[in-house]
Amino acid sequence: MSDRIEPRAWRPKFIDYLYVSLTNAAAFSPTDTMPLSAMAKCIMGLQSIVSLVTIGLIISRAVNIL
């Protein structure tokens, strides 16, 4: 934790806040892992949304069968 990877002039942007809020709300994605690039954050956020939709579809199908 002593080595700094990010530059000193780094400031959080909208995608950083969106990624953190999405991973904390969904909890199906790794919340302890922080990707550095914006593209990686978008892909991991999309993966979290897809997993939420999949779980929702499975649950709704199970309720429909009952």
PDB file of N, CA and C in Angstrom:
ATOM      1  N   MET A   1       0.800  -1.199   0.000  1.00  0.00           N
ATOM      2  CA  MET A   1       0.000   0.000   0.000  1.00  0.00           C
ATOM      3  C   MET A   1       0.843   1.263   0.000  1.00  0.00           C
ATOM      4  N   SER A   2       2.126   1.136   0.145  1.00  0.00           N
ATOM      5  CA  SER A   2       2.947   2.330   0.201  1.00  0.00           C
ATOM      6  C   SER A   2       3.283   2.879  -1.177  1.00  0.00           C
ATOM      7  N   ASP A   3       3.272   2.028  -2.206  1.00  0.00           N
ATOM      8  CA  ASP A   3       3.563   2.493  -3.554  1.00  0.00           C
ATOM      9  C   ASP A   3       2.330   3.140  -4.158  1.00  0.00           C
ATOM     10  N   ARG A   4       2.521   4.297  -4.721  1.00  0.00           N
ATOM     11  CA  ARG A   4       1.407   5.001  -5.359  1.00  0.00           C
ATOM     12  C   ARG A   4       1.444   4.709  -6.843  1.00  0.00           C
ATOM     13  N   ILE A   5       0.365   4.152  -7.373  1.00  0.00           N
ATOM     14  CA  ILE A   5       0.298   3.822  -8.792  1.00  0.00           C
ATOM     15  C   ILE A   5      -0.228   5.015  -9.586  1.00  0.00           C
ATOM     16  N   GLU A   6      -1.205   5.689  -9.055  1.00  0.00           N
ATOM     17  CA  GLU A   6      -1.824   6.795  -9.781  1.00  0.00           C
ATOM     18  C   GLU A   6      -0.948   8.044  -9.717  1.00  0.00           C
ATOM     19  N   PRO A   7      -1.044   8.884 -10.712  1.00  0.00           N
ATOM     20  CA  PRO A   7      -0.276  10.135 -10.666  1.00  0.00           C
ATOM     21  C   PRO A   7      -0.796  11.067  -9.565  1.00  0.00           C
ATOM     22  N   ARG A   8       0.012  11.963  -9.140  1.00  0.00           N
ATOM     23  CA  ARG A   8      -0.369  12.874  -8.057  1.00  0.00           C
ATOM     24  C   ARG A   8      -1.495  13.824  -8.452  1.00  0.00           C
ATOM     25  N   ALA A   9      -1.641  14.089  -9.732  1.00  0.00           N
ATOM     26  CA  ALA A   9      -2.679  15.015 -10.185  1.00  0.00           C
ATOM     27  C   ALA A   9      -4.001  14.304 -10.474  1.00  0.00           C
ATOM     28  N   TRP A  10      -4.117  13.041 -10.104  1.00  0.00           N
ATOM     29  CA  TRP A  10      -5.336  12.288 -10.386  1.00  0.00           C
ATOM     30  C   TRP A  10      -6.490  12.812  -9.543  1.00  0.00           C
ATOM     31  N   ARG A  11      -7.625  12.995 -10.189  1.00  0.00           N
ATOM     32  CA  ARG A  11      -8.844  13.404  -9.505  1.00  0.00           C
ATOM     33  C   ARG A  11      -9.956  12.490  -9.968  1.00  0.00           C
ATOM     34  N   PRO A  12     -10.870  12.105  -9.088  1.00  0.00           N
ATOM     35  CA  PRO A  12     -11.947  11.211  -9.506  1.00  0.00           C
ATOM     36  C   PRO A  12     -12.874  11.891 -10.506  1.00  0.00           C
ATOM     37  N   LYS A  13     -13.346  11.103 -11.445  1.00  0.00           N
ATOM     38  CA  LYS A  13     -14.287  11.574 -12.455  1.00  0.00           C
ATOM     39  C   LYS A  13     -15.614  10.874 -12.254  1.00  0.00           C
ATOM     40  N   PHE A  14     -16.571  11.178 -13.105  1.00  0.00           N
ATOM     41  CA  PHE A  14     -17.915  10.618 -12.969  1.00  0.00           C
ATOM     42  C   PHE A  14     -17.893   9.101 -13.039  1.00  0.00           C
ATOM     43  N   ILE A  15     -17.098   8.532 -13.952  1.00  0.00           N
ATOM     44  CA  ILE A  15     -17.053   7.073 -14.100  1.00  0.00           C
ATOM     45  C   ILE A  15     -16.526   6.404 -12.837  1.00  0.00           C
ATOM     46  N   ASP A  16     -15.646   7.062 -12.104  1.00  0.00           N
ATOM     47  CA  ASP A  16     -15.139   6.509 -10.846  1.00  0.00           C
ATOM     48  C   ASP A  16     -16.254   6.417  -9.807  1.00  0.00           C
ATOM     49  N   TYR A  17     -17.018   7.486  -9.668  1.00  0.00           N
ATOM     50  CA  TYR A  17     -18.135   7.479  -8.723  1.00  0.00           C
ATOM     51  C   TYR A  17     -19.217   6.494  -9.145  1.00  0.00           C
ATOM     52  N   LEU A  18     -19.486   6.414 -10.429  1.00  0.00           N
ATOM     53  CA  LEU A  18     -20.490   5.477 -10.934  1.00  0.00           C
ATOM     54  C   LEU A  18     -20.070   4.041 -10.680  1.00  0.00           C
ATOM     55  N   TYR A  19     -18.807   3.725 -10.913  1.00  0.00           N
ATOM     56  CA  TYR A  19     -18.321   2.368 -10.690  1.00  0.00           C
ATOM     57  C   TYR A  19     -18.415   1.985  -9.217  1.00  0.00           C
ATOM     58  N   VAL A  20     -18.005   2.856  -8.339  1.00  0.00           N
ATOM     59  CA  VAL A  20     -18.043   2.553  -6.905  1.00  0.00           C
ATOM     60  C   VAL A  20     -19.483   2.378  -6.427  1.00  0.00           C
ATOM     61  N   SER A  21     -20.377   3.246  -6.850  1.00  0.00           N
ATOM     62  CA  SER A  21     -21.771   3.117  -6.410  1.00  0.00           C
ATOM     63  C   SER A  21     -22.428   1.868  -6.983  1.00  0.00           C
ATOM     64  N   LEU A  22     -22.107   1.527  -8.222  1.00  0.00           N
ATOM     65  CA  LEU A  22     -22.689   0.328  -8.830  1.00  0.00           C
ATOM     66  C   LEU A  22     -22.190  -0.937  -8.155  1.00  0.00           C
ATOM     67  N   THR A  23     -20.904  -1.030  -7.897  1.00  0.00           N
ATOM     68  CA  THR A  23     -20.382  -2.234  -7.258  1.00  0.00           C
ATOM     69  C   THR A  23     -20.831  -2.353  -5.812  1.00  0.00           C
ATOM     70  N   ASN A  24     -20.989  -1.259  -5.120  1.00  0.00           N
ATOM     71  CA  ASN A  24     -21.470  -1.335  -3.740  1.00  0.00           C
ATOM     72  C   ASN A  24     -22.954  -1.666  -3.679  1.00  0.00           C
ATOM     73  N   ALA A  25     -23.725  -1.214  -4.639  1.00  0.00           N
ATOM     74  CA  ALA A  25     -25.156  -1.498  -4.629  1.00  0.00           C
ATOM     75  C   ALA A  25     -25.450  -2.919  -5.079  1.00  0.00           C
ATOM     76  N   ALA A  26     -24.711  -3.418  -6.051  1.00  0.00           N
ATOM     77  CA  ALA A  26     -25.000  -4.731  -6.617  1.00  0.00           C
ATOM     78  C   ALA A  26     -24.399  -5.858  -5.796  1.00  0.00           C
ATOM     79  N   ALA A  27     -23.173  -5.719  -5.373  1.00  0.00           N
ATOM     80  CA  ALA A  27     -22.441  -6.716  -4.584  1.00  0.00           C
ATOM     81  C   ALA A  27     -22.288  -8.041  -5.313  1.00  0.00           C
ATOM     82  N   PHE A  28     -22.487  -8.090  -6.618  1.00  0.00           N
ATOM     83  CA  PHE A  28     -22.176  -9.263  -7.420  1.00  0.00           C
ATOM     84  C   PHE A  28     -20.846  -9.090  -8.139  1.00  0.00           C
ATOM     85  N   SER A  29     -20.199  -8.005  -7.905  1.00  0.00           N
ATOM     86  CA  SER A  29     -18.925  -7.727  -8.555  1.00  0.00           C
ATOM     87  C   SER A  29     -17.882  -7.458  -7.480  1.00  0.00           C
ATOM     88  N   PRO A  30     -16.629  -7.510  -7.843  1.00  0.00           N
ATOM     89  CA  PRO A  30     -15.582  -7.338  -6.830  1.00  0.00           C
ATOM     90  C   PRO A  30     -15.483  -5.897  -6.347  1.00  0.00           C
ATOM     91  N   THR A  31     -15.960  -5.637  -5.157  1.00  0.00           N
ATOM     92  CA  THR A  31     -15.929  -4.275  -4.633  1.00  0.00           C
ATOM     93  C   THR A  31     -14.573  -3.921  -4.043  1.00  0.00           C
ATOM     94  N   ASP A  32     -13.735  -4.938  -3.790  1.00  0.00           N
ATOM     95  CA  ASP A  32     -12.425  -4.645  -3.223  1.00  0.00           C
ATOM     96  C   ASP A  32     -11.367  -4.438  -4.304  1.00  0.00           C
ATOM     97  N   THR A  33     -11.736  -4.647  -5.562  1.00  0.00           N
ATOM     98  CA  THR A  33     -10.806  -4.476  -6.670  1.00  0.00           C
ATOM     99  C   THR A  33     -11.129  -3.184  -7.392  1.00  0.00           C
ATOM    100  N   MET A  34     -10.136  -2.344  -7.575  1.00  0.00           N
ATOM    101  CA  MET A  34     -10.356  -1.082  -8.262  1.00  0.00           C
ATOM    102  C   MET A  34      -9.578  -1.074  -9.567  1.00  0.00           C
ATOM    103  N   PRO A  35     -10.263  -1.262 -10.690  1.00  0.00           N
ATOM    104  CA  PRO A  35      -9.557  -1.175 -11.977  1.00  0.00           C
ATOM    105  C   PRO A  35      -9.108   0.261 -12.228  1.00  0.00           C
ATOM    106  N   LEU A  36      -8.034   0.398 -12.966  1.00  0.00           N
ATOM    107  CA  LEU A  36      -7.461   1.724 -13.158  1.00  0.00           C
ATOM    108  C   LEU A  36      -8.001   2.442 -14.383  1.00  0.00           C
ATOM    109  N   SER A  37      -8.319   1.724 -15.445  1.00  0.00           N
ATOM    110  CA  SER A  37      -8.767   2.399 -16.666  1.00  0.00           C
ATOM    111  C   SER A  37     -10.288   2.547 -16.677  1.00  0.00           C
ATOM    112  N   ALA A  38     -10.757   3.532 -17.384  1.00  0.00           N
ATOM    113  CA  ALA A  38     -12.198   3.782 -17.481  1.00  0.00           C
ATOM    114  C   ALA A  38     -12.888   2.658 -18.246  1.00  0.00           C
ATOM    115  N   MET A  39     -12.208   2.091 -19.244  1.00  0.00           N
ATOM    116  CA  MET A  39     -12.802   0.996 -20.010  1.00  0.00           C
ATOM    117  C   MET A  39     -13.011  -0.233 -19.133  1.00  0.00           C
ATOM    118  N   ALA A  40     -12.050  -0.546 -18.286  1.00  0.00           N
ATOM    119  CA  ALA A  40     -12.191  -1.679 -17.379  1.00  0.00           C
ATOM    120  C   ALA A  40     -13.324  -1.444 -16.384  1.00  0.00           C
ATOM    121  N   LYS A  41     -13.487  -0.221 -15.918  1.00  0.00           N
ATOM    122  CA  LYS A  41     -14.586   0.094 -15.003  1.00  0.00           C
ATOM    123  C   LYS A  41     -15.931  -0.062 -15.695  1.00  0.00           C
ATOM    124  N   CYS A  42     -16.022   0.362 -16.952  1.00  0.00           N
ATOM    125  CA  CYS A  42     -17.272   0.215 -17.700  1.00  0.00           C
ATOM    126  C   CYS A  42     -17.612  -1.250 -17.931  1.00  0.00           C
ATOM    127  N   ILE A  43     -16.611  -2.053 -18.283  1.00  0.00           N
ATOM    128  CA  ILE A  43     -16.848  -3.471 -18.537  1.00  0.00           C
ATOM    129  C   ILE A  43     -17.245  -4.192 -17.256  1.00  0.00           C
ATOM    130  N   MET A  44     -16.588  -3.893 -16.156  1.00  0.00           N
ATOM    131  CA  MET A  44     -16.943  -4.541 -14.895  1.00  0.00           C
ATOM    132  C   MET A  44     -18.306  -4.081 -14.397  1.00  0.00           C
ATOM    133  N   GLY A  45     -18.660  -2.836 -14.631  1.00  0.00           N
ATOM    134  CA  GLY A  45     -20.000  -2.364 -14.285  1.00  0.00           C
ATOM    135  C   GLY A  45     -21.063  -3.025 -15.125  1.00  0.00           C
ATOM    136  N   LEU A  46     -20.789  -3.199 -16.410  1.00  0.00           N
ATOM    137  CA  LEU A  46     -21.719  -3.893 -17.299  1.00  0.00           C
ATOM    138  C   LEU A  46     -21.895  -5.349 -16.873  1.00  0.00           C
ATOM    139  N   GLN A  47     -20.824  -5.977 -16.464  1.00  0.00           N
ATOM    140  CA  GLN A  47     -20.900  -7.347 -15.981  1.00  0.00           C
ATOM    141  C   GLN A  47     -21.778  -7.434 -14.733  1.00  0.00           C
ATOM    142  N   SER A  48     -21.686  -6.467 -13.863  1.00  0.00           N
ATOM    143  CA  SER A  48     -22.512  -6.443 -12.669  1.00  0.00           C
ATOM    144  C   SER A  48     -23.991  -6.275 -13.017  1.00  0.00           C
ATOM    145  N   ILE A  49     -24.288  -5.415 -13.971  1.00  0.00           N
ATOM    146  CA  ILE A  49     -25.676  -5.202 -14.390  1.00  0.00           C
ATOM    147  C   ILE A  49     -26.241  -6.458 -15.048  1.00  0.00           C
ATOM    148  N   VAL A  50     -25.435  -7.121 -15.875  1.00  0.00           N
ATOM    149  CA  VAL A  50     -25.882  -8.355 -16.531  1.00  0.00           C
ATOM    150  C   VAL A  50     -26.177  -9.433 -15.494  1.00  0.00           C
ATOM    151  N   SER A  51     -25.350  -9.541 -14.473  1.00  0.00           N
ATOM    152  CA  SER A  51     -25.604 -10.548 -13.446  1.00  0.00           C
ATOM    153  C   SER A  51     -26.865 -10.227 -12.654  1.00  0.00           C
ATOM    154  N   LEU A  52     -27.134  -8.957 -12.387  1.00  0.00           N
ATOM    155  CA  LEU A  52     -28.382  -8.590 -11.699  1.00  0.00           C
ATOM    156  C   LEU A  52     -29.601  -8.918 -12.542  1.00  0.00           C
ATOM    157  N   VAL A  53     -29.532  -8.637 -13.836  1.00  0.00           N
ATOM    158  CA  VAL A  53     -30.649  -8.940 -14.729  1.00  0.00           C
ATOM    159  C   VAL A  53     -30.862 -10.447 -14.819  1.00  0.00           C
ATOM    160  N   THR A  54     -29.789 -11.213 -14.892  1.00  0.00           N
ATOM    161  CA  THR A  54     -29.901 -12.666 -14.963  1.00  0.00           C
ATOM    162  C   THR A  54     -30.551 -13.239 -13.714  1.00  0.00           C
ATOM    163  N   ILE A  55     -30.123 -12.784 -12.557  1.00  0.00           N
ATOM    164  CA  ILE A  55     -30.733 -13.236 -11.300  1.00  0.00           C
ATOM    165  C   ILE A  55     -32.209 -12.856 -11.252  1.00  0.00           C
ATOM    166  N   GLY A  56     -32.528 -11.651 -11.700  1.00  0.00           N
ATOM    167  CA  GLY A  56     -33.932 -11.219 -11.726  1.00  0.00           C
ATOM    168  C   GLY A  56     -34.781 -12.075 -12.650  1.00  0.00           C
ATOM    169  N   LEU A  57     -34.248 -12.437 -13.802  1.00  0.00           N
ATOM    170  CA  LEU A  57     -34.988 -13.292 -14.728  1.00  0.00           C
ATOM    171  C   LEU A  57     -35.185 -14.694 -14.167  1.00  0.00           C
ATOM    172  N   ILE A  58     -34.181 -15.231 -13.515  1.00  0.00           N
ATOM    173  CA  ILE A  58     -34.307 -16.565 -12.921  1.00  0.00           C
ATOM    174  C   ILE A  58     -35.340 -16.560 -11.808  1.00  0.00           C
ATOM    175  N   ILE A  59     -35.317 -15.554 -10.972  1.00  0.00           N
ATOM    176  CA  ILE A  59     -36.294 -15.467  -9.882  1.00  0.00           C
ATOM    177  C   ILE A  59     -37.703 -15.257 -10.431  1.00  0.00           C
ATOM    178  N   SER A  60     -37.853 -14.406 -11.420  1.00  0.00           N
ATOM    179  CA  SER A  60     -39.188 -14.186 -11.977  1.00  0.00           C
ATOM    180  C   SER A  60     -39.720 -15.422 -12.681  1.00  0.00           C
ATOM    181  N   ARG A  61     -38.854 -16.183 -13.309  1.00  0.00           N
ATOM    182  CA  ARG A  61     -39.283 -17.442 -13.941  1.00  0.00           C
ATOM    183  C   ARG A  61     -39.699 -18.450 -12.882  1.00  0.00           C
ATOM    184  N   ALA A  62     -38.972 -18.527 -11.783  1.00  0.00           N
ATOM    185  CA  ALA A  62     -39.323 -19.453 -10.707  1.00  0.00           C
ATOM    186  C   ALA A  62     -40.653 -19.080 -10.083  1.00  0.00           C
ATOM    187  N   VAL A  63     -40.908 -17.806  -9.902  1.00  0.00           N
ATOM    188  CA  VAL A  63     -42.192 -17.377  -9.342  1.00  0.00           C
ATOM    189  C   VAL A  63     -43.319 -17.672 -10.323  1.00  0.00           C
ATOM    190  N   ASN A  64     -43.070 -17.513 -11.616  1.00  0.00           N
ATOM    191  CA  ASN A  64     -44.068 -17.782 -12.615  1.00  0.00           C
ATOM    192  C   ASN A  64     -44.438 -19.263 -12.666  1.00  0.00           C
ATOM    193  N   ILE A  65     -43.462 -20.137 -12.451  1.00  0.00           N
ATOM    194  CA  ILE A  65     -43.735 -21.575 -12.467  1.00  0.00           C
ATOM    195  C   ILE A  65     -44.583 -21.965 -11.270  1.00  0.00           C
ATOM    196  N   LEU A  66     -44.341 -21.334 -10.138  1.00  0.00           N
ATOM    197  CA  LEU A  66     -45.116 -21.651  -8.935  1.00  0.00           C
ATOM    198  C   LEU A  66     -46.544 -21.191  -9.115  1.00  0.00           C
TER     199      LEU A  66
END
